[in-house]
């Protein structure tokens, strides 16, 4: 909201400046010729180069701010999660709840881990036999 108010007043000041300038020119009895621009127009290459540099800086700035915001939000949720977790543990302890027993690992995962170990052992033996 504040940004729009500032933007409004800056544009209002610019309009007032232009109107006052025109009134002064008319009061002096002179005016700008219609075929001449009131300011010098830069070449397109200069404008393009400046705009490109500004866009790169703006893009970098926005990227940095997004990463900062992401890190802050993740840290905030991590802290809240830990706070909630400790509160839940305190409530369970107050009400005499039995702590959960560790679950037995999934049988499929156990089989896969054993399979990987066997393959690793076989690879190691093959490398030793071939002297690699």
N, C-alpha and C. Protein backbone atom coordinates (compact mmCIF):
# COMPACT_ATOMS: atom_id res chain seq x y z
N UNK A 1 0.82 -1.19 0.00
CA UNK A 1 0.00 0.00 0.00
C UNK A 1 0.87 1.25 0.00
N UNK A 2 1.90 1.25 0.86
CA UNK A 2 2.78 2.42 0.94
C UNK A 2 3.49 2.66 -0.38
N UNK A 3 3.84 1.59 -1.05
CA UNK A 3 4.52 1.70 -2.34
C UNK A 3 3.66 2.47 -3.33
N UNK A 4 2.37 2.17 -3.38
CA UNK A 4 1.48 2.83 -4.33
C UNK A 4 1.27 4.31 -3.98
N UNK A 5 1.26 4.60 -2.69
CA UNK A 5 1.13 6.00 -2.28
C UNK A 5 2.36 6.79 -2.71
N UNK A 6 3.53 6.22 -2.48
CA UNK A 6 4.78 6.88 -2.89
C UNK A 6 4.81 7.04 -4.41
N UNK A 7 4.42 6.01 -5.12
CA UNK A 7 4.40 6.06 -6.58
C UNK A 7 3.43 7.15 -7.07
N UNK A 8 2.29 7.26 -6.43
CA UNK A 8 1.32 8.29 -6.80
C UNK A 8 1.90 9.69 -6.63
N UNK A 9 2.53 9.93 -5.48
CA UNK A 9 3.06 11.27 -5.22
C UNK A 9 4.26 11.60 -6.10
N UNK A 10 5.07 10.62 -6.44
CA UNK A 10 6.19 10.86 -7.35
C UNK A 10 5.66 11.22 -8.73
N UNK A 11 4.68 10.50 -9.20
CA UNK A 11 4.11 10.81 -10.53
C UNK A 11 3.39 12.16 -10.51
N UNK A 12 2.73 12.49 -9.40
CA UNK A 12 2.08 13.79 -9.27
C UNK A 12 3.11 14.91 -9.31
N UNK A 13 4.24 14.72 -8.63
CA UNK A 13 5.30 15.73 -8.66
C UNK A 13 5.85 15.89 -10.07
N UNK A 14 5.99 14.82 -10.81
CA UNK A 14 6.46 14.89 -12.19
C UNK A 14 5.49 15.65 -13.08
N UNK A 15 4.21 15.41 -12.91
CA UNK A 15 3.19 16.11 -13.71
C UNK A 15 3.21 17.60 -13.38
N UNK A 16 3.29 17.92 -12.10
CA UNK A 16 3.35 19.33 -11.69
C UNK A 16 4.58 20.00 -12.28
N UNK A 17 5.72 19.33 -12.27
CA UNK A 17 6.95 19.88 -12.83
C UNK A 17 6.78 20.19 -14.32
N UNK A 18 6.17 19.27 -15.06
CA UNK A 18 5.98 19.49 -16.49
C UNK A 18 5.01 20.65 -16.76
N UNK A 19 3.95 20.74 -15.99
CA UNK A 19 2.96 21.80 -16.20
C UNK A 19 3.59 23.17 -15.88
N UNK A 20 4.32 23.25 -14.78
CA UNK A 20 4.97 24.51 -14.40
C UNK A 20 5.97 24.93 -15.47
N UNK A 21 6.69 24.01 -16.02
CA UNK A 21 7.66 24.31 -17.07
C UNK A 21 6.96 24.91 -18.30
N UNK A 22 5.85 24.29 -18.69
CA UNK A 22 5.10 24.80 -19.85
C UNK A 22 4.54 26.19 -19.56
N UNK A 23 4.05 26.42 -18.35
CA UNK A 23 3.49 27.72 -18.00
C UNK A 23 4.58 28.80 -18.03
N UNK A 24 5.78 28.46 -17.55
CA UNK A 24 6.89 29.42 -17.60
C UNK A 24 7.26 29.77 -19.04
N UNK A 25 7.29 28.76 -19.90
CA UNK A 25 7.61 29.02 -21.30
C UNK A 25 6.56 29.92 -21.94
N UNK A 26 5.29 29.66 -21.65
CA UNK A 26 4.22 30.49 -22.20
C UNK A 26 4.25 31.91 -21.63
N UNK A 27 4.63 32.05 -20.36
CA UNK A 27 4.70 33.38 -19.74
C UNK A 27 5.83 34.21 -20.36
N UNK A 28 6.90 33.57 -20.76
CA UNK A 28 8.02 34.27 -21.40
C UNK A 28 7.74 34.58 -22.86
N UNK A 29 6.68 34.02 -23.39
CA UNK A 29 6.31 34.28 -24.78
C UNK A 29 6.95 33.33 -25.76
N UNK A 30 7.60 32.33 -25.31
CA UNK A 30 8.21 31.36 -26.22
C UNK A 30 7.61 29.97 -25.95
N UNK A 31 7.75 29.12 -26.93
CA UNK A 31 7.28 27.75 -26.77
C UNK A 31 8.21 26.84 -27.55
N UNK A 32 8.13 25.56 -27.27
CA UNK A 32 8.97 24.60 -27.97
C UNK A 32 8.43 24.36 -29.37
N UNK A 33 9.32 24.26 -30.37
CA UNK A 33 8.85 23.89 -31.70
C UNK A 33 8.25 22.49 -31.66
N UNK A 34 7.26 22.23 -32.50
CA UNK A 34 6.58 20.95 -32.49
C UNK A 34 7.42 19.82 -33.04
N UNK A 35 8.38 20.14 -33.94
CA UNK A 35 9.18 19.08 -34.53
C UNK A 35 10.40 18.71 -33.68
N UNK A 36 10.64 19.42 -32.61
CA UNK A 36 11.81 19.15 -31.76
C UNK A 36 11.34 18.57 -30.43
N UNK A 37 11.99 17.51 -30.00
CA UNK A 37 11.65 16.89 -28.73
C UNK A 37 12.22 17.73 -27.59
N UNK A 38 11.54 17.78 -26.45
CA UNK A 38 12.02 18.61 -25.34
C UNK A 38 13.26 18.03 -24.64
N UNK A 39 13.64 16.82 -24.99
CA UNK A 39 14.84 16.21 -24.41
C UNK A 39 15.53 15.38 -25.48
N UNK A 40 16.79 15.06 -25.23
CA UNK A 40 17.56 14.29 -26.21
C UNK A 40 17.22 12.81 -26.08
N UNK A 41 16.89 12.20 -27.18
CA UNK A 41 16.54 10.79 -27.18
C UNK A 41 17.81 9.97 -27.43
N UNK A 42 18.16 9.06 -26.51
CA UNK A 42 19.37 8.26 -26.72
C UNK A 42 19.19 7.24 -27.84
N UNK A 43 20.31 6.74 -28.33
CA UNK A 43 20.26 5.74 -29.39
C UNK A 43 19.71 4.43 -28.84
N UNK A 44 19.14 3.63 -29.74
CA UNK A 44 18.51 2.38 -29.34
C UNK A 44 19.52 1.41 -28.71
N UNK A 45 20.75 1.36 -29.26
CA UNK A 45 21.76 0.45 -28.74
C UNK A 45 22.10 0.78 -27.28
N UNK A 46 22.17 2.08 -26.97
CA UNK A 46 22.47 2.49 -25.60
C UNK A 46 21.33 2.10 -24.66
N UNK A 47 20.12 2.35 -25.12
CA UNK A 47 18.96 1.99 -24.30
C UNK A 47 18.91 0.48 -24.10
N UNK A 48 19.15 -0.26 -25.16
CA UNK A 48 19.11 -1.72 -25.08
C UNK A 48 20.18 -2.23 -24.12
N UNK A 49 21.40 -1.70 -24.22
CA UNK A 49 22.48 -2.13 -23.33
C UNK A 49 22.18 -1.82 -21.88
N UNK A 50 21.69 -0.62 -21.64
CA UNK A 50 21.35 -0.23 -20.27
C UNK A 50 20.21 -1.08 -19.72
N UNK A 51 19.20 -1.29 -20.52
CA UNK A 51 18.06 -2.10 -20.09
C UNK A 51 18.50 -3.54 -19.81
N UNK A 52 19.38 -4.07 -20.64
CA UNK A 52 19.86 -5.44 -20.43
C UNK A 52 20.61 -5.56 -19.11
N UNK A 53 21.51 -4.59 -18.86
CA UNK A 53 22.27 -4.60 -17.61
C UNK A 53 21.34 -4.49 -16.40
N UNK A 54 20.37 -3.60 -16.50
CA UNK A 54 19.44 -3.43 -15.39
C UNK A 54 18.60 -4.69 -15.16
N UNK A 55 18.18 -5.33 -16.23
CA UNK A 55 17.38 -6.55 -16.09
C UNK A 55 18.20 -7.68 -15.48
N UNK A 56 19.49 -7.78 -15.86
CA UNK A 56 20.34 -8.81 -15.27
C UNK A 56 20.52 -8.56 -13.77
N UNK A 57 20.76 -7.30 -13.40
CA UNK A 57 20.90 -6.97 -11.98
C UNK A 57 19.60 -7.25 -11.23
N UNK A 58 18.49 -6.86 -11.83
CA UNK A 58 17.20 -7.10 -11.19
C UNK A 58 16.93 -8.60 -11.04
N UNK A 59 17.25 -9.36 -12.07
CA UNK A 59 17.06 -10.80 -12.00
C UNK A 59 17.91 -11.43 -10.91
N UNK A 60 19.17 -10.99 -10.80
CA UNK A 60 20.05 -11.50 -9.76
C UNK A 60 19.51 -11.13 -8.38
N UNK A 61 19.08 -9.88 -8.24
CA UNK A 61 18.54 -9.41 -6.97
C UNK A 61 17.31 -10.22 -6.57
N UNK A 62 16.41 -10.43 -7.52
CA UNK A 62 15.19 -11.19 -7.23
C UNK A 62 15.53 -12.63 -6.88
N UNK A 63 16.48 -13.22 -7.58
CA UNK A 63 16.89 -14.60 -7.28
C UNK A 63 17.43 -14.71 -5.86
N UNK A 64 18.30 -13.77 -5.48
CA UNK A 64 18.87 -13.78 -4.13
C UNK A 64 17.77 -13.62 -3.08
N UNK A 65 16.84 -12.71 -3.32
CA UNK A 65 15.76 -12.49 -2.36
C UNK A 65 14.85 -13.72 -2.25
N UNK A 66 14.59 -14.39 -3.36
CA UNK A 66 13.77 -15.60 -3.32
C UNK A 66 14.47 -16.69 -2.51
N UNK A 67 15.76 -16.83 -2.72
CA UNK A 67 16.51 -17.85 -1.96
C UNK A 67 16.52 -17.50 -0.48
N UNK A 68 16.73 -16.22 -0.16
CA UNK A 68 16.69 -15.80 1.25
C UNK A 68 15.33 -16.10 1.87
N UNK A 69 14.28 -15.76 1.16
CA UNK A 69 12.93 -16.00 1.67
C UNK A 69 12.69 -17.49 1.86
N UNK A 70 13.15 -18.30 0.91
CA UNK A 70 12.98 -19.75 1.01
C UNK A 70 13.68 -20.28 2.26
N UNK A 71 14.92 -19.83 2.47
CA UNK A 71 15.67 -20.31 3.63
C UNK A 71 14.98 -19.88 4.92
N UNK A 72 14.50 -18.65 4.98
CA UNK A 72 13.81 -18.18 6.18
C UNK A 72 12.53 -18.97 6.45
N UNK A 73 11.76 -19.22 5.40
CA UNK A 73 10.51 -19.96 5.57
C UNK A 73 10.79 -21.39 6.01
N UNK A 74 11.77 -22.02 5.41
CA UNK A 74 12.11 -23.40 5.78
C UNK A 74 12.58 -23.45 7.23
N UNK A 75 13.42 -22.49 7.63
CA UNK A 75 13.91 -22.44 9.00
C UNK A 75 12.75 -22.21 9.97
N UNK A 76 11.82 -21.33 9.60
CA UNK A 76 10.66 -21.06 10.44
C UNK A 76 9.84 -22.33 10.66
N UNK A 77 9.53 -23.04 9.56
CA UNK A 77 8.73 -24.26 9.69
C UNK A 77 9.48 -25.36 10.44
N UNK A 78 10.78 -25.41 10.26
CA UNK A 78 11.58 -26.40 10.98
C UNK A 78 11.50 -26.13 12.48
N UNK A 79 11.66 -24.87 12.87
CA UNK A 79 11.58 -24.52 14.29
C UNK A 79 10.20 -24.81 14.85
N UNK A 80 9.16 -24.46 14.10
CA UNK A 80 7.80 -24.72 14.56
C UNK A 80 7.54 -26.23 14.70
N UNK A 81 8.06 -26.99 13.75
CA UNK A 81 7.89 -28.44 13.81
C UNK A 81 8.56 -29.00 15.07
N UNK A 82 9.76 -28.54 15.36
CA UNK A 82 10.45 -29.02 16.56
C UNK A 82 9.71 -28.60 17.83
N UNK A 83 9.18 -27.38 17.85
CA UNK A 83 8.41 -26.93 19.02
C UNK A 83 7.17 -27.80 19.22
N UNK A 84 6.46 -28.05 18.15
CA UNK A 84 5.25 -28.87 18.24
C UNK A 84 5.61 -30.29 18.67
N UNK A 85 6.72 -30.80 18.14
CA UNK A 85 7.14 -32.15 18.49
C UNK A 85 7.46 -32.25 19.98
N UNK A 86 8.17 -31.26 20.52
CA UNK A 86 8.50 -31.30 21.96
C UNK A 86 7.23 -31.15 22.80
N UNK A 87 6.30 -30.30 22.38
CA UNK A 87 5.04 -30.15 23.13
C UNK A 87 4.27 -31.46 23.14
N UNK A 88 4.23 -32.15 22.00
CA UNK A 88 3.51 -33.42 21.93
C UNK A 88 4.17 -34.46 22.84
N UNK A 89 5.49 -34.48 22.86
CA UNK A 89 6.19 -35.43 23.74
C UNK A 89 5.91 -35.13 25.21
N UNK A 90 5.87 -33.83 25.57
CA UNK A 90 5.55 -33.46 26.95
C UNK A 90 4.15 -33.88 27.31
N UNK A 91 3.19 -33.69 26.41
CA UNK A 91 1.81 -34.08 26.70
C UNK A 91 1.68 -35.59 26.85
N UNK A 92 2.38 -36.31 25.99
CA UNK A 92 2.34 -37.79 26.11
C UNK A 92 2.92 -38.23 27.43
N UNK A 93 4.04 -37.57 27.84
CA UNK A 93 4.67 -37.94 29.10
C UNK A 93 3.77 -37.60 30.28
N UNK A 94 3.05 -36.48 30.22
CA UNK A 94 2.15 -36.07 31.31
C UNK A 94 0.99 -37.05 31.46
N UNK A 95 0.48 -37.53 30.36
CA UNK A 95 -0.69 -38.40 30.41
C UNK A 95 -0.30 -39.88 30.54
N UNK A 96 0.96 -40.16 30.72
CA UNK A 96 1.40 -41.52 30.96
C UNK A 96 1.38 -42.42 29.74
N UNK A 97 1.51 -41.85 28.58
CA UNK A 97 1.51 -42.65 27.36
C UNK A 97 2.83 -43.41 27.25
N UNK A 98 2.74 -44.60 26.76
CA UNK A 98 3.93 -45.43 26.57
C UNK A 98 4.63 -44.99 25.29
N UNK A 99 5.94 -44.75 25.34
CA UNK A 99 6.63 -44.35 24.10
C UNK A 99 6.53 -45.46 23.06
N UNK A 100 6.44 -45.05 21.84
CA UNK A 100 6.28 -46.01 20.74
C UNK A 100 7.54 -46.84 20.58
N UNK A 101 7.34 -48.13 20.39
CA UNK A 101 8.47 -49.02 20.17
C UNK A 101 8.94 -48.86 18.74
N UNK A 102 10.25 -48.99 18.54
CA UNK A 102 10.73 -48.87 17.16
C UNK A 102 10.16 -49.98 16.30
N UNK A 103 9.73 -49.61 15.11
CA UNK A 103 9.13 -50.58 14.21
C UNK A 103 10.20 -51.44 13.56
N UNK A 104 9.80 -52.64 13.22
CA UNK A 104 10.70 -53.53 12.50
C UNK A 104 10.80 -53.04 11.05
N UNK A 105 12.02 -53.02 10.49
CA UNK A 105 12.16 -52.54 9.11
C UNK A 105 11.33 -53.38 8.15
N UNK A 106 10.96 -52.77 7.07
CA UNK A 106 10.18 -53.42 6.04
C UNK A 106 10.96 -54.62 5.49
N UNK A 107 10.29 -55.75 5.32
CA UNK A 107 10.95 -56.97 4.85
C UNK A 107 11.52 -56.80 3.45
N UNK A 108 10.77 -56.12 2.59
CA UNK A 108 11.24 -55.88 1.23
C UNK A 108 12.53 -55.06 1.24
N UNK A 109 12.57 -54.02 2.07
CA UNK A 109 13.78 -53.20 2.15
C UNK A 109 14.96 -54.00 2.70
N UNK A 110 14.69 -54.89 3.66
CA UNK A 110 15.76 -55.74 4.19
C UNK A 110 16.34 -56.63 3.08
N UNK A 111 15.47 -57.22 2.28
CA UNK A 111 15.90 -58.10 1.20
C UNK A 111 16.71 -57.32 0.17
N UNK A 112 16.24 -56.12 -0.17
CA UNK A 112 16.95 -55.29 -1.15
C UNK A 112 18.33 -54.88 -0.63
N UNK A 113 18.43 -54.54 0.65
CA UNK A 113 19.72 -54.14 1.23
C UNK A 113 20.68 -55.33 1.21
N UNK A 114 20.19 -56.50 1.54
CA UNK A 114 21.04 -57.70 1.52
C UNK A 114 21.51 -58.00 0.09
N UNK A 115 20.61 -57.83 -0.87
CA UNK A 115 20.93 -58.04 -2.28
C UNK A 115 22.04 -57.08 -2.72
N UNK A 116 21.93 -55.82 -2.33
CA UNK A 116 22.95 -54.83 -2.68
C UNK A 116 24.30 -55.19 -2.07
N UNK A 117 24.27 -55.63 -0.82
CA UNK A 117 25.53 -56.04 -0.17
C UNK A 117 26.18 -57.22 -0.90
N UNK A 118 25.37 -58.19 -1.31
CA UNK A 118 25.90 -59.34 -2.03
C UNK A 118 26.53 -58.91 -3.35
N UNK A 119 25.83 -58.05 -4.08
CA UNK A 119 26.36 -57.57 -5.36
C UNK A 119 27.66 -56.80 -5.14
N UNK A 120 27.68 -55.97 -4.10
CA UNK A 120 28.90 -55.22 -3.78
C UNK A 120 30.06 -56.16 -3.47
N UNK A 121 29.79 -57.22 -2.71
CA UNK A 121 30.83 -58.19 -2.39
C UNK A 121 31.35 -58.88 -3.66
N UNK A 122 30.43 -59.26 -4.55
CA UNK A 122 30.81 -59.92 -5.80
C UNK A 122 31.67 -58.97 -6.64
N UNK A 123 31.28 -57.69 -6.74
CA UNK A 123 32.07 -56.72 -7.51
C UNK A 123 33.47 -56.58 -6.93
N UNK A 124 33.54 -56.52 -5.61
CA UNK A 124 34.83 -56.39 -4.96
C UNK A 124 35.73 -57.60 -5.26
N UNK A 125 35.15 -58.82 -5.21
CA UNK A 125 35.90 -60.03 -5.49
C UNK A 125 36.40 -60.03 -6.95
N UNK A 126 35.55 -59.60 -7.88
CA UNK A 126 35.93 -59.57 -9.29
C UNK A 126 37.07 -58.59 -9.50
N UNK A 127 36.99 -57.43 -8.86
CA UNK A 127 38.07 -56.44 -9.00
C UNK A 127 39.39 -56.98 -8.43
N UNK A 128 39.31 -57.69 -7.31
CA UNK A 128 40.52 -58.25 -6.72
C UNK A 128 41.11 -59.33 -7.63
N UNK A 129 40.26 -60.14 -8.26
CA UNK A 129 40.75 -61.20 -9.14
C UNK A 129 41.41 -60.60 -10.38
N UNK A 130 40.87 -59.49 -10.89
CA UNK A 130 41.41 -58.89 -12.10
C UNK A 130 42.49 -57.87 -11.77
N UNK A 131 42.78 -57.65 -10.50
CA UNK A 131 43.81 -56.70 -10.05
C UNK A 131 43.52 -55.28 -10.55
N UNK A 132 42.33 -54.83 -10.40
CA UNK A 132 41.96 -53.47 -10.82
C UNK A 132 42.06 -52.50 -9.69
